[in-house]
C-alpha atoms as a PDB file:
ATOM      1  CA  UNK A   1      23.915  57.964  19.139  1.00  0.00           C
ATOM      2  CA  UNK A   2      25.058  58.092  15.632  1.00  0.00           C
ATOM      3  CA  UNK A   3      26.124  55.946  12.866  1.00  0.00           C
ATOM      4  CA  UNK A   4      29.616  55.442  11.290  1.00  0.00           C
ATOM      5  CA  UNK A   5      31.281  55.220   7.891  1.00  0.00           C
ATOM      6  CA  UNK A   6      35.137  54.574   7.012  1.00  0.00           C
ATOM      7  CA  UNK A   7      35.267  55.678   3.539  1.00  0.00           C
ATOM      8  CA  UNK A   8      38.176  54.181   1.763  1.00  0.00           C
ATOM      9  CA  UNK A   9      40.249  53.871   5.009  1.00  0.00           C
ATOM     10  CA  UNK A  10      44.157  53.043   4.474  1.00  0.00           C
ATOM     11  CA  UNK A  11      46.540  52.893   7.095  1.00  0.00           C
ATOM     12  CA  UNK A  12      50.594  52.166   6.566  1.00  0.00           C
ATOM     13  CA  UNK A  13      53.495  51.925   8.838  1.00  0.00           C
ATOM     14  CA  UNK A  14      56.503  53.399   6.508  1.00  0.00           C
ATOM     15  CA  UNK A  15      55.897  51.043   3.547  1.00  0.00           C
ATOM     16  CA  UNK A  16      53.874  48.236   5.194  1.00  0.00           C
ATOM     17  CA  UNK A  17      50.412  49.172   4.392  1.00  0.00           C
ATOM     18  CA  UNK A  18      48.632  47.556   7.372  1.00  0.00           C
ATOM     19  CA  UNK A  19      44.718  48.630   6.229  1.00  0.00           C
ATOM     20  CA  UNK A  20      44.333  48.606   2.888  1.00  0.00           C
ATOM     21  CA  UNK A  21      41.354  50.661   2.047  1.00  0.00           C
ATOM     22  CA  UNK A  22      38.555  49.705   3.875  1.00  0.00           C
ATOM     23  CA  UNK A  23      34.722  50.636   3.177  1.00  0.00           C
ATOM     24  CA  UNK A  24      32.151  50.120   5.518  1.00  0.00           C
ATOM     25  CA  UNK A  25      28.760  51.537   6.977  1.00  0.00           C
ATOM     26  CA  UNK A  26      27.514  50.983  10.059  1.00  0.00           C
ATOM     27  CA  UNK A  27      24.128  52.278  11.440  1.00  0.00           C
ATOM     28  CA  UNK A  28      22.961  53.797  14.276  1.00  0.00           C
ATOM     29  CA  UNK A  29      21.945  51.302  17.417  1.00  0.00           C
ATOM     30  CA  UNK A  30      23.745  48.278  15.655  1.00  0.00           C
ATOM     31  CA  UNK A  31      26.563  45.979  16.971  1.00  0.00           C
ATOM     32  CA  UNK A  32      29.364  45.079  14.477  1.00  0.00           C
ATOM     33  CA  UNK A  33      32.051  42.601  15.081  1.00  0.00           C
ATOM     34  CA  UNK A  34      35.410  42.643  13.766  1.00  0.00           C
ATOM     35  CA  UNK A  35      37.171  39.165  13.259  1.00  0.00           C
ATOM     36  CA  UNK A  36      40.174  37.617  12.381  1.00  0.00           C
ATOM     37  CA  UNK A  37      43.566  36.256  12.618  1.00  0.00           C
ATOM     38  CA  UNK A  38      46.386  37.515  14.577  1.00  0.00           C
ATOM     39  CA  UNK A  39      48.210  40.253  12.550  1.00  0.00           C
ATOM     40  CA  UNK A  40      44.351  41.022  10.139  1.00  0.00           C
ATOM     41  CA  UNK A  41      44.294  44.580  11.334  1.00  0.00           C
ATOM     42  CA  UNK A  42      41.174  44.396  13.215  1.00  0.00           C
ATOM     43  CA  UNK A  43      42.586  46.163  16.605  1.00  0.00           C
ATOM     44  CA  UNK A  44      44.164  48.790  14.487  1.00  0.00           C
ATOM     45  CA  UNK A  45      41.123  49.535  12.474  1.00  0.00           C
ATOM     46  CA  UNK A  46      39.616  50.156  15.725  1.00  0.00           C
ATOM     47  CA  UNK A  47      42.317  52.515  17.110  1.00  0.00           C
ATOM     48  CA  UNK A  48      41.967  54.543  13.762  1.00  0.00           C
ATOM     49  CA  UNK A  49      38.194  55.085  14.322  1.00  0.00           C
ATOM     50  CA  UNK A  50      39.222  55.952  18.075  1.00  0.00           C
ATOM     51  CA  UNK A  51      41.967  58.384  16.954  1.00  0.00           C
ATOM     52  CA  UNK A  52      44.734  56.794  18.816  1.00  0.00           C
ATOM     53  CA  UNK A  53      46.306  56.102  15.165  1.00  0.00           C
ATOM     54  CA  UNK A  54      46.771  58.687  12.373  1.00  0.00           C
ATOM     55  CA  UNK A  55      45.143  58.077   8.988  1.00  0.00           C
ATOM     56  CA  UNK A  56      47.205  57.409   6.043  1.00  0.00           C
ATOM     57  CA  UNK A  57      44.203  58.002   3.694  1.00  0.00           C
ATOM     58  CA  UNK A  58      40.880  57.799   3.893  1.00  0.00           C
ATOM     59  CA  UNK A  59      37.696  59.119   6.135  1.00  0.00           C
ATOM     60  CA  UNK A  60      35.746  58.518   9.246  1.00  0.00           C
ATOM     61  CA  UNK A  61      32.694  59.543   9.762  1.00  0.00           C
ATOM     62  CA  UNK A  62      30.378  59.723  12.862  1.00  0.00           C
ATOM     63  CA  UNK A  63      26.946  60.983  12.732  1.00  0.00           C
ATOM     64  CA  UNK A  64      27.404  63.501  10.366  1.00  0.00           C
ATOM     65  CA  UNK A  65      30.701  64.521  10.969  1.00  0.00           C
ATOM     66  CA  UNK A  66      34.016  64.074   9.820  1.00  0.00           C
ATOM     67  CA  UNK A  67      36.148  63.458  12.533  1.00  0.00           C
ATOM     68  CA  UNK A  68      38.929  62.164  10.381  1.00  0.00           C
ATOM     69  CA  UNK A  69      41.679  64.484  11.898  1.00  0.00           C
ATOM     70  CA  UNK A  70      39.619  65.566  15.070  1.00  0.00           C
ATOM     71  CA  UNK A  71      40.905  64.940  18.535  1.00  0.00           C
ATOM     72  CA  UNK A  72      40.327  61.450  20.374  1.00  0.00           C
ATOM     73  CA  UNK A  73      38.668  63.094  23.279  1.00  0.00           C
ATOM     74  CA  UNK A  74      36.297  65.260  21.038  1.00  0.00           C
ATOM     75  CA  UNK A  75      35.662  62.312  18.983  1.00  0.00           C
ATOM     76  CA  UNK A  76      32.475  61.210  20.707  1.00  0.00           C
ATOM     77  CA  UNK A  77      33.902  57.801  20.851  1.00  0.00           C
ATOM     78  CA  UNK A  78      34.493  55.527  24.167  1.00  0.00           C
ATOM     79  CA  UNK A  79      37.002  52.722  24.376  1.00  0.00           C
ATOM     80  CA  UNK A  80      36.943  49.697  26.513  1.00  0.00           C
ATOM     81  CA  UNK A  81      40.398  47.889  26.705  1.00  0.00           C
ATOM     82  CA  UNK A  82      41.014  44.608  26.799  1.00  0.00           C
ATOM     83  CA  UNK A  83      42.972  45.413  29.955  1.00  0.00           C
ATOM     84  CA  UNK A  84      40.800  46.963  32.697  1.00  0.00           C
ATOM     85  CA  UNK A  85      43.188  50.010  33.537  1.00  0.00           C
ATOM     86  CA  UNK A  86      41.669  50.941  36.927  1.00  0.00           C
ATOM     87  CA  UNK A  87      43.237  53.180  39.230  1.00  0.00           C
ATOM     88  CA  UNK A  88      43.756  50.675  42.260  1.00  0.00           C
ATOM     89  CA  UNK A  89      43.562  53.142  44.565  1.00  0.00           C
ATOM     90  CA  UNK A  90      40.388  54.161  43.819  1.00  0.00           C
ATOM     91  CA  UNK A  91      36.793  53.606  44.495  1.00  0.00           C
ATOM     92  CA  UNK A  92      34.325  51.883  41.941  1.00  0.00           C
ATOM     93  CA  UNK A  93      32.324  55.595  42.566  1.00  0.00           C
ATOM     94  CA  UNK A  94      36.012  56.933  41.608  1.00  0.00           C
ATOM     95  CA  UNK A  95      37.121  55.552  38.670  1.00  0.00           C
ATOM     96  CA  UNK A  96      33.767  55.637  36.877  1.00  0.00           C
ATOM     97  CA  UNK A  97      33.629  58.973  37.497  1.00  0.00           C
ATOM     98  CA  UNK A  98      37.023  59.885  36.642  1.00  0.00           C
ATOM     99  CA  UNK A  99      36.881  61.273  33.517  1.00  0.00           C
ATOM    100  CA  UNK A 100      33.360  63.150  34.342  1.00  0.00           C
ATOM    101  CA  UNK A 101      35.714  65.079  37.087  1.00  0.00           C
ATOM    102  CA  UNK A 102      38.307  65.933  34.496  1.00  0.00           C
ATOM    103  CA  UNK A 103      35.856  66.950  32.042  1.00  0.00           C
ATOM    104  CA  UNK A 104      34.346  68.890  34.708  1.00  0.00           C
ATOM    105  CA  UNK A 105      30.838  67.799  34.305  1.00  0.00           C
ATOM    106  CA  UNK A 106      28.816  69.448  36.939  1.00  0.00           C
ATOM    107  CA  UNK A 107      28.618  67.235  39.753  1.00  0.00           C
ATOM    108  CA  UNK A 108      24.541  66.909  40.106  1.00  0.00           C
ATOM    109  CA  UNK A 109      24.818  65.272  36.275  1.00  0.00           C
ATOM    110  CA  UNK A 110      27.856  63.580  37.076  1.00  0.00           C
ATOM    111  CA  UNK A 111      26.384  61.619  40.301  1.00  0.00           C
ATOM    112  CA  UNK A 112      22.987  60.870  38.093  1.00  0.00           C
ATOM    113  CA  UNK A 113      25.060  59.389  35.348  1.00  0.00           C
ATOM    114  CA  UNK A 114      27.172  57.538  37.898  1.00  0.00           C
ATOM    115  CA  UNK A 115      24.183  55.936  39.507  1.00  0.00           C
ATOM    116  CA  UNK A 116      22.389  55.119  36.172  1.00  0.00           C
ATOM    117  CA  UNK A 117      25.520  53.431  34.852  1.00  0.00           C
ATOM    118  CA  UNK A 118      26.021  51.843  38.279  1.00  0.00           C
ATOM    119  CA  UNK A 119      22.376  50.334  38.232  1.00  0.00           C
ATOM    120  CA  UNK A 120      22.751  49.004  34.342  1.00  0.00           C
ATOM    121  CA  UNK A 121      25.545  47.012  35.560  1.00  0.00           C
ATOM    122  CA  UNK A 122      24.359  45.956  38.756  1.00  0.00           C
ATOM    123  CA  UNK A 123      27.551  48.178  40.556  1.00  0.00           C
ATOM    124  CA  UNK A 124      25.481  49.718  43.004  1.00  0.00           C
ATOM    125  CA  UNK A 125      26.715  47.632  45.972  1.00  0.00           C
ATOM    126  CA  UNK A 126      30.045  47.694  44.566  1.00  0.00           C
ATOM    127  CA  UNK A 127      30.847  51.437  44.380  1.00  0.00           C
ATOM    128  CA  UNK A 128      32.914  51.823  47.319  1.00  0.00           C
ATOM    129  CA  UNK A 129      35.004  48.698  46.929  1.00  0.00           C
ATOM    130  CA  UNK A 130      38.310  49.194  45.368  1.00  0.00           C
ATOM    131  CA  UNK A 131      39.669  46.941  42.117  1.00  0.00           C
ATOM    132  CA  UNK A 132      41.346  44.423  44.568  1.00  0.00           C
ATOM    133  CA  UNK A 133      38.603  43.609  46.657  1.00  0.00           C
ATOM    134  CA  UNK A 134      36.260  42.884  42.740  1.00  0.00           C
ATOM    135  CA  UNK A 135      36.193  39.903  40.663  1.00  0.00           C
ATOM    136  CA  UNK A 136      37.534  39.750  36.866  1.00  0.00           C
ATOM    137  CA  UNK A 137      34.117  40.527  35.579  1.00  0.00           C
ATOM    138  CA  UNK A 138      33.493  42.774  37.932  1.00  0.00           C
ATOM    139  CA  UNK A 139      36.576  45.078  36.899  1.00  0.00           C
ATOM    140  CA  UNK A 140      35.293  44.467  33.097  1.00  0.00           C
ATOM    141  CA  UNK A 141      31.876  45.968  34.144  1.00  0.00           C
ATOM    142  CA  UNK A 142      33.770  49.330  35.797  1.00  0.00           C
ATOM    143  CA  UNK A 143      35.177  49.585  32.377  1.00  0.00           C
ATOM    144  CA  UNK A 144      32.575  49.439  31.011  1.00  0.00           C
ATOM    145  CA  UNK A 145      30.824  51.780  33.304  1.00  0.00           C
ATOM    146  CA  UNK A 146      33.605  54.383  32.955  1.00  0.00           C
ATOM    147  CA  UNK A 147      32.969  54.207  28.857  1.00  0.00           C
ATOM    148  CA  UNK A 148      28.909  54.323  29.934  1.00  0.00           C
ATOM    149  CA  UNK A 149      28.918  57.600  31.581  1.00  0.00           C
ATOM    150  CA  UNK A 150      31.019  59.462  29.155  1.00  0.00           C
ATOM    151  CA  UNK A 151      27.168  58.913  26.972  1.00  0.00           C
ATOM    152  CA  UNK A 152      29.114  58.582  23.661  1.00  0.00           C
ATOM    153  CA  UNK A 153      27.918  58.098  20.436  1.00  0.00           C
ATOM    154  CA  UNK A 154      30.057  55.143  19.285  1.00  0.00           C
ATOM    155  CA  UNK A 155      31.099  52.321  21.818  1.00  0.00           C
ATOM    156  CA  UNK A 156      34.627  50.458  20.962  1.00  0.00           C
ATOM    157  CA  UNK A 157      35.432  47.112  22.290  1.00  0.00           C
ATOM    158  CA  UNK A 158      39.135  46.012  22.000  1.00  0.00           C
ATOM    159  CA  UNK A 159      39.328  42.197  23.298  1.00  0.00           C
ATOM    160  CA  UNK A 160      37.318  43.004  26.543  1.00  0.00           C
ATOM    161  CA  UNK A 161      36.649  39.462  27.333  1.00  0.00           C
ATOM    162  CA  UNK A 162      40.192  38.000  26.941  1.00  0.00           C
ATOM    163  CA  UNK A 163      41.529  37.970  30.138  1.00  0.00           C
ATOM    164  CA  UNK A 164      38.665  35.975  32.062  1.00  0.00           C
ATOM    165  CA  UNK A 165      38.309  32.545  32.274  1.00  0.00           C
ATOM    166  CA  UNK A 166      35.614  30.201  30.302  1.00  0.00           C
ATOM    167  CA  UNK A 167      32.718  30.717  32.232  1.00  0.00           C
ATOM    168  CA  UNK A 168      33.375  34.494  32.878  1.00  0.00           C
ATOM    169  CA  UNK A 169      33.342  35.101  29.361  1.00  0.00           C
ATOM    170  CA  UNK A 170      29.757  33.055  28.866  1.00  0.00           C
ATOM    171  CA  UNK A 171      28.746  35.390  31.596  1.00  0.00           C
ATOM    172  CA  UNK A 172      29.985  38.578  30.130  1.00  0.00           C
ATOM    173  CA  UNK A 173      29.225  38.156  26.494  1.00  0.00           C
ATOM    174  CA  UNK A 174      25.263  37.760  27.803  1.00  0.00           C
ATOM    175  CA  UNK A 175      25.761  41.200  29.855  1.00  0.00           C
ATOM    176  CA  UNK A 176      27.026  42.864  26.895  1.00  0.00           C
ATOM    177  CA  UNK A 177      24.200  41.269  24.736  1.00  0.00           C
ATOM    178  CA  UNK A 178      21.607  42.522  27.432  1.00  0.00           C
ATOM    179  CA  UNK A 179      23.631  45.767  27.772  1.00  0.00           C
ATOM    180  CA  UNK A 180      23.520  46.496  23.637  1.00  0.00           C
ATOM    181  CA  UNK A 181      19.546  45.912  23.790  1.00  0.00           C
ATOM    182  CA  UNK A 182      19.010  48.122  26.670  1.00  0.00           C
ATOM    183  CA  UNK A 183      21.298  51.197  25.792  1.00  0.00           C
ATOM    184  CA  UNK A 184      20.540  50.675  22.124  1.00  0.00           C
ATOM    185  CA  UNK A 185      23.794  52.093  21.353  1.00  0.00           C
ATOM    186  CA  UNK A 186      26.071  51.558  18.242  1.00  0.00           C
ATOM    187  CA  UNK A 187      29.098  49.244  19.003  1.00  0.00           C
ATOM    188  CA  UNK A 188      31.822  47.963  17.432  1.00  0.00           C
ATOM    189  CA  UNK A 189      33.679  45.123  19.258  1.00  0.00           C
ATOM    190  CA  UNK A 190      37.258  43.542  18.092  1.00  0.00           C
ATOM    191  CA  UNK A 191      37.804  39.937  19.091  1.00  0.00           C
ATOM    192  CA  UNK A 192      39.892  36.705  17.761  1.00  0.00           C
ATOM    193  CA  UNK A 193      37.244  34.433  19.021  1.00  0.00           C
ATOM    194  CA  UNK A 194      34.506  33.634  16.812  1.00  0.00           C
ATOM    195  CA  UNK A 195      32.040  32.516  19.132  1.00  0.00           C
ATOM    196  CA  UNK A 196      31.690  35.624  20.546  1.00  0.00           C
ATOM    197  CA  UNK A 197      31.434  37.429  16.841  1.00  0.00           C
ATOM    198  CA  UNK A 198      28.567  34.625  16.400  1.00  0.00           C
ATOM    199  CA  UNK A 199      26.752  35.277  19.462  1.00  0.00           C
ATOM    200  CA  UNK A 200      26.952  39.413  19.968  1.00  0.00           C
ATOM    201  CA  UNK A 201      27.243  40.615  16.470  1.00  0.00           C
ATOM    202  CA  UNK A 202      24.319  42.222  14.492  1.00  0.00           C
ATOM    203  CA  UNK A 203      26.982  41.849  11.600  1.00  0.00           C
ATOM    204  CA  UNK A 204      30.345  40.567  11.551  1.00  0.00           C
ATOM    205  CA  UNK A 205      33.287  42.178   9.290  1.00  0.00           C
ATOM    206  CA  UNK A 206      35.903  39.365   8.753  1.00  0.00           C
ATOM    207  CA  UNK A 207      39.099  40.441   8.140  1.00  0.00           C
ATOM    208  CA  UNK A 208      42.606  39.224   6.438  1.00  0.00           C
ATOM    209  CA  UNK A 209      45.632  40.852   6.165  1.00  0.00           C
ATOM    210  CA  UNK A 210      43.929  44.609   6.258  1.00  0.00           C
ATOM    211  CA  UNK A 211      41.490  43.832   3.866  1.00  0.00           C
ATOM    212  CA  UNK A 212      38.128  43.093   4.349  1.00  0.00           C
ATOM    213  CA  UNK A 213      36.678  39.333   2.952  1.00  0.00           C
ATOM    214  CA  UNK A 214      33.127  39.818   3.664  1.00  0.00           C
ATOM    215  CA  UNK A 215      30.313  41.137   5.726  1.00  0.00           C
ATOM    216  CA  UNK A 216      27.375  40.000   7.049  1.00  0.00           C
ATOM    217  CA  UNK A 217      24.972  38.698  10.018  1.00  0.00           C
ATOM    218  CA  UNK A 218      26.346  35.878  11.653  1.00  0.00           C
ATOM    219  CA  UNK A 219      24.471  32.823   9.876  1.00  0.00           C
ATOM    220  CA  UNK A 220      25.145  34.447   6.929  1.00  0.00           C
ATOM    221  CA  UNK A 221      28.440  34.183   6.731  1.00  0.00           C
ATOM    222  CA  UNK A 222      28.547  30.975   8.241  1.00  0.00           C
ATOM    223  CA  UNK A 223      26.206  29.326   5.522  1.00  0.00           C
ATOM    224  CA  UNK A 224      26.865  31.512   2.790  1.00  0.00           C
ATOM    225  CA  UNK A 225      30.869  32.293   2.654  1.00  0.00           C
ATOM    226  CA  UNK A 226      32.225  34.065  -0.424  1.00  0.00           C
ATOM    227  CA  UNK A 227      35.486  31.816  -0.031  1.00  0.00           C
ATOM    228  CA  UNK A 228      37.773  29.445   1.699  1.00  0.00           C
ATOM    229  CA  UNK A 229      39.145  31.990   4.397  1.00  0.00           C
ATOM    230  CA  UNK A 230      35.787  33.163   5.401  1.00  0.00           C
ATOM    231  CA  UNK A 231      34.159  29.220   5.149  1.00  0.00           C
ATOM    232  CA  UNK A 232      37.435  28.008   6.992  1.00  0.00           C
ATOM    233  CA  UNK A 233      37.490  30.963  10.011  1.00  0.00           C
ATOM    234  CA  UNK A 234      33.975  30.531  11.152  1.00  0.00           C
ATOM    235  CA  UNK A 235      33.225  27.153  12.494  1.00  0.00           C
ATOM    236  CA  UNK A 236      34.550  25.010  15.304  1.00  0.00           C
ATOM    237  CA  UNK A 237      35.637  22.706  14.081  1.00  0.00           C
ATOM    238  CA  UNK A 238      35.915  24.231  10.708  1.00  0.00           C
ATOM    239  CA  UNK A 239      34.609  23.230   7.528  1.00  0.00           C
ATOM    240  CA  UNK A 240      36.094  20.298   5.974  1.00  0.00           C
ATOM    241  CA  UNK A 241      37.840  21.125   2.783  1.00  0.00           C
ATOM    242  CA  UNK A 242      38.202  18.232  -0.067  1.00  0.00           C
ATOM    243  CA  UNK A 243      40.373  19.277  -3.556  1.00  0.00           C
ATOM    244  CA  UNK A 244      38.593  17.421  -6.342  1.00  0.00           C
ATOM    245  CA  UNK A 245      38.490  17.493 -10.030  1.00  0.00           C
ATOM    246  CA  UNK A 246      35.687  17.973 -12.395  1.00  0.00           C
ATOM    247  CA  UNK A 247      35.241  14.695 -14.624  1.00  0.00           C
ATOM    248  CA  UNK A 248      34.043  14.782 -18.291  1.00  0.00           C
ATOM    249  CA  UNK A 249      30.538  13.505 -17.099  1.00  0.00           C
ATOM    250  CA  UNK A 250      30.660  16.892 -14.562  1.00  0.00           C
ATOM    251  CA  UNK A 251      31.045  14.607 -11.499  1.00  0.00           C
ATOM    252  CA  UNK A 252      33.607  15.435  -8.750  1.00  0.00           C
ATOM    253  CA  UNK A 253      36.517  13.080  -7.728  1.00  0.00           C
ATOM    254  CA  UNK A 254      38.206  14.179  -4.726  1.00  0.00           C
ATOM    255  CA  UNK A 255      42.067  13.705  -4.623  1.00  0.00           C
ATOM    256  CA  UNK A 256      43.163  10.028  -3.754  1.00  0.00           C
ATOM    257  CA  UNK A 257      39.907   8.276  -4.020  1.00  0.00           C
ATOM    258  CA  UNK A 258      37.864   6.407  -7.050  1.00  0.00           C
ATOM    259  CA  UNK A 259      34.933   7.264  -6.385  1.00  0.00           C
ATOM    260  CA  UNK A 260      33.374  10.635  -8.114  1.00  0.00           C
ATOM    261  CA  UNK A 261      30.617  12.834  -5.916  1.00  0.00           C
ATOM    262  CA  UNK A 262      27.484  14.489  -7.650  1.00  0.00           C
ATOM    263  CA  UNK A 263      28.368  18.204  -7.998  1.00  0.00           C
ATOM    264  CA  UNK A 264      26.308  21.277  -6.274  1.00  0.00           C
ATOM    265  CA  UNK A 265      26.944  23.039  -9.208  1.00  0.00           C
ATOM    266  CA  UNK A 266      26.535  22.370 -12.821  1.00  0.00           C
ATOM    267  CA  UNK A 267      28.147  23.600 -15.905  1.00  0.00           C
ATOM    268  CA  UNK A 268      31.925  23.092 -14.504  1.00  0.00           C
ATOM    269  CA  UNK A 269      34.750  22.536 -17.119  1.00  0.00           C
ATOM    270  CA  UNK A 270      36.035  19.084 -16.769  1.00  0.00           C
ATOM    271  CA  UNK A 271      39.454  19.213 -15.669  1.00  0.00           C
ATOM    272  CA  UNK A 272      38.818  22.170 -13.558  1.00  0.00           C
ATOM    273  CA  UNK A 273      40.227  21.881  -9.758  1.00  0.00           C
ATOM    274  CA  UNK A 274      37.837  22.349  -7.024  1.00  0.00           C
ATOM    275  CA  UNK A 275      37.444  22.355  -3.348  1.00  0.00           C
ATOM    276  CA  UNK A 276      34.185  20.812  -1.949  1.00  0.00           C
ATOM    277  CA  UNK A 277      33.364  22.290   1.231  1.00  0.00           C
ATOM    278  CA  UNK A 278      31.300  20.323   3.945  1.00  0.00           C
ATOM    279  CA  UNK A 279      30.527  21.762   7.733  1.00  0.00           C
ATOM    280  CA  UNK A 280      31.300  18.845  10.332  1.00  0.00           C
ATOM    281  CA  UNK A 281      27.448  18.500  11.272  1.00  0.00           C
ATOM    282  CA  UNK A 282      26.309  17.873   7.586  1.00  0.00           C
ATOM    283  CA  UNK A 283      28.839  14.803   7.374  1.00  0.00           C
ATOM    284  CA  UNK A 284      26.991  11.674   6.859  1.00  0.00           C
ATOM    285  CA  UNK A 285      29.021   8.620   8.211  1.00  0.00           C
ATOM    286  CA  UNK A 286      26.922   5.716   6.578  1.00  0.00           C
ATOM    287  CA  UNK A 287      27.874   1.995   5.887  1.00  0.00           C
ATOM    288  CA  UNK A 288      27.173   2.725   2.076  1.00  0.00           C
ATOM    289  CA  UNK A 289      29.738   5.894   1.827  1.00  0.00           C
ATOM    290  CA  UNK A 290      31.004   6.651  -0.897  1.00  0.00           C
ATOM    291  CA  UNK A 291      34.602   7.887   0.545  1.00  0.00           C
ATOM    292  CA  UNK A 292      36.600   6.563   3.587  1.00  0.00           C
ATOM    293  CA  UNK A 293      38.824   7.553   6.272  1.00  0.00           C
ATOM    294  CA  UNK A 294      40.864   6.331   9.568  1.00  0.00           C
ATOM    295  CA  UNK A 295      39.420   7.302  12.554  1.00  0.00           C
ATOM    296  CA  UNK A 296      42.248   9.380  14.368  1.00  0.00           C
ATOM    297  CA  UNK A 297      40.431  10.900  17.657  1.00  0.00           C
ATOM    298  CA  UNK A 298      37.361  10.643  18.872  1.00  0.00           C
ATOM    299  CA  UNK A 299      35.912  13.595  21.562  1.00  0.00           C
ATOM    300  CA  UNK A 300      33.155  12.557  23.237  1.00  0.00           C
ATOM    301  CA  UNK A 301      31.363  15.828  24.182  1.00  0.00           C
ATOM    302  CA  UNK A 302      28.088  14.504  25.826  1.00  0.00           C
ATOM    303  CA  UNK A 303      25.261  15.755  23.574  1.00  0.00           C
ATOM    304  CA  UNK A 304      27.463  15.553  20.646  1.00  0.00           C
ATOM    305  CA  UNK A 305      30.873  13.446  19.607  1.00  0.00           C
ATOM    306  CA  UNK A 306      33.597  14.585  17.129  1.00  0.00           C
ATOM    307  CA  UNK A 307      35.062  12.133  14.922  1.00  0.00           C
ATOM    308  CA  UNK A 308      38.534  13.180  13.499  1.00  0.00           C
ATOM    309  CA  UNK A 309      39.536  10.984  10.807  1.00  0.00           C
ATOM    310  CA  UNK A 310      42.233  11.063   8.307  1.00  0.00           C
ATOM    311  CA  UNK A 311      41.568  10.857   4.631  1.00  0.00           C
ATOM    312  CA  UNK A 312      43.186  10.699   1.039  1.00  0.00           C
ATOM    313  CA  UNK A 313      46.068  13.170   0.619  1.00  0.00           C
ATOM    314  CA  UNK A 314      46.612  14.016   4.207  1.00  0.00           C
ATOM    315  CA  UNK A 315      43.018  15.519   4.572  1.00  0.00           C
ATOM    316  CA  UNK A 316      41.719  15.572   8.285  1.00  0.00           C
ATOM    317  CA  UNK A 317      37.832  15.258   8.267  1.00  0.00           C
ATOM    318  CA  UNK A 318      36.156  16.622  11.106  1.00  0.00           C
ATOM    319  CA  UNK A 319      32.539  14.911  11.680  1.00  0.00           C
ATOM    320  CA  UNK A 320      29.877  15.656  14.272  1.00  0.00           C
ATOM    321  CA  UNK A 321      27.586  13.052  15.316  1.00  0.00           C
ATOM    322  CA  UNK A 322      24.748  13.232  17.702  1.00  0.00           C
ATOM    323  CA  UNK A 323      24.379   9.654  18.501  1.00  0.00           C
ATOM    324  CA  UNK A 324      27.031   8.224  20.946  1.00  0.00           C
ATOM    325  CA  UNK A 325      28.934   6.157  18.772  1.00  0.00           C
ATOM    326  CA  UNK A 326      31.637   3.986  19.915  1.00  0.00           C
ATOM    327  CA  UNK A 327      34.988   4.078  17.545  1.00  0.00           C
ATOM    328  CA  UNK A 328      38.297   3.419  17.792  1.00  0.00           C
ATOM    329  CA  UNK A 329      41.310   4.879  16.519  1.00  0.00           C
ATOM    330  CA  UNK A 330      42.501   3.349  13.263  1.00  0.00           C
ATOM    331  CA  UNK A 331      38.653   2.155  12.345  1.00  0.00           C
ATOM    332  CA  UNK A 332      37.831   2.455   8.666  1.00  0.00           C
ATOM    333  CA  UNK A 333      34.234   4.440   8.689  1.00  0.00           C
ATOM    334  CA  UNK A 334      32.988   5.113   5.401  1.00  0.00           C
ATOM    335  CA  UNK A 335      31.318   8.687   4.613  1.00  0.00           C
ATOM    336  CA  UNK A 336      29.199  10.931   2.445  1.00  0.00           C
ATOM    337  CA  UNK A 337      29.233  14.695   1.333  1.00  0.00           C
ATOM    338  CA  UNK A 338      25.141  15.482   1.178  1.00  0.00           C
ATOM    339  CA  UNK A 339      25.066  17.308  -1.901  1.00  0.00           C
ATOM    340  CA  UNK A 340      22.337  20.187  -0.603  1.00  0.00           C
ATOM    341  CA  UNK A 341      25.266  21.005   2.473  1.00  0.00           C
ATOM    342  CA  UNK A 342      28.010  20.764   0.390  1.00  0.00           C
ATOM    343  CA  UNK A 343      29.777  24.041  -1.241  1.00  0.00           C
ATOM    344  CA  UNK A 344      32.234  24.225  -3.602  1.00  0.00           C
ATOM    345  CA  UNK A 345      35.229  26.818  -4.625  1.00  0.00           C
ATOM    346  CA  UNK A 346      37.577  27.200  -6.957  1.00  0.00           C
ATOM    347  CA  UNK A 347      41.364  26.032  -5.846  1.00  0.00           C
ATOM    348  CA  UNK A 348      42.785  28.736  -7.001  1.00  0.00           C
ATOM    349  CA  UNK A 349      41.198  31.539  -6.460  1.00  0.00           C
ATOM    350  CA  UNK A 350      39.772  30.389  -3.092  1.00  0.00           C
ATOM    351  CA  UNK A 351      36.113  32.011  -4.409  1.00  0.00           C
ATOM    352  CA  UNK A 352      33.145  30.590  -3.913  1.00  0.00           C
ATOM    353  CA  UNK A 353      31.518  28.773  -6.701  1.00  0.00           C
ATOM    354  CA  UNK A 354      27.510  29.547  -7.177  1.00  0.00           C
ATOM    355  CA  UNK A 355      25.354  27.887  -9.418  1.00  0.00           C
END
């Protein structure tokens, strides 16, 4: 296995730039997840690494080799697509072994690789079945098996669980995490699902409009985002945001309210526009709360309750409650934003304001 490095990677279609100067180092054996909204360039970036798109500028290095202009088949990568892309007339054994036959891998070695991959993916008893006789999860395991037998330096996954139902996705997430632990392989995984990103990744790369917004361990990005975009993208429901103005005494007055809140950051210039950010699980609903909101919807999920309420300035507040509160629509509730759990962002640039 090998690590991977992207150096100033750019991709443009005509005058439209899709990937804008991405620099990234991925260590040997690391599982890195690319996340971002639709159209942010995450799949294009994966296709550049695979060699399925030509690079406009920059370098792709796998191990010690510059593979920027190397043929896809010789890069030492194996890709698992959103579509299983299995041959319907072939058995599982034939589908997994097809690439080895094309590349003329000696039969004894091919058989050994196939049996090892089948055992790893719990496919041994299914080797003589055809794709139509398999479940969605089993078909995806066959597609992964086809990649494993190539013994690549880097595995590339392009939203491989998108076609599965919710229960199978949870199961396959666990299987992929276990597979990575067993193989110790370098993996790059593309998804728009933040739950997949948070549960699978050693590190997450958050992309927007072809640029890297932030890179870090899942909980580091969740707890310590660099800007409003990252703070709002990771988390479901997303972080709550209230625009406020710094008062002469350094306290913060949210738009639409007469009450002031203590600032988590000192030394701010009076009159400066900022954004207060607080996760739903940190919102305090209490009888003496400084701010008010009108209950819009209540979602009872058993272990927790999500309350969505209309605040001033048409902002919708989301609060996660561990108690089973009985709240009705239009009920007025009072809440606080705990200073220790509140983050501050510049309202104009969106960048985090740190102490």
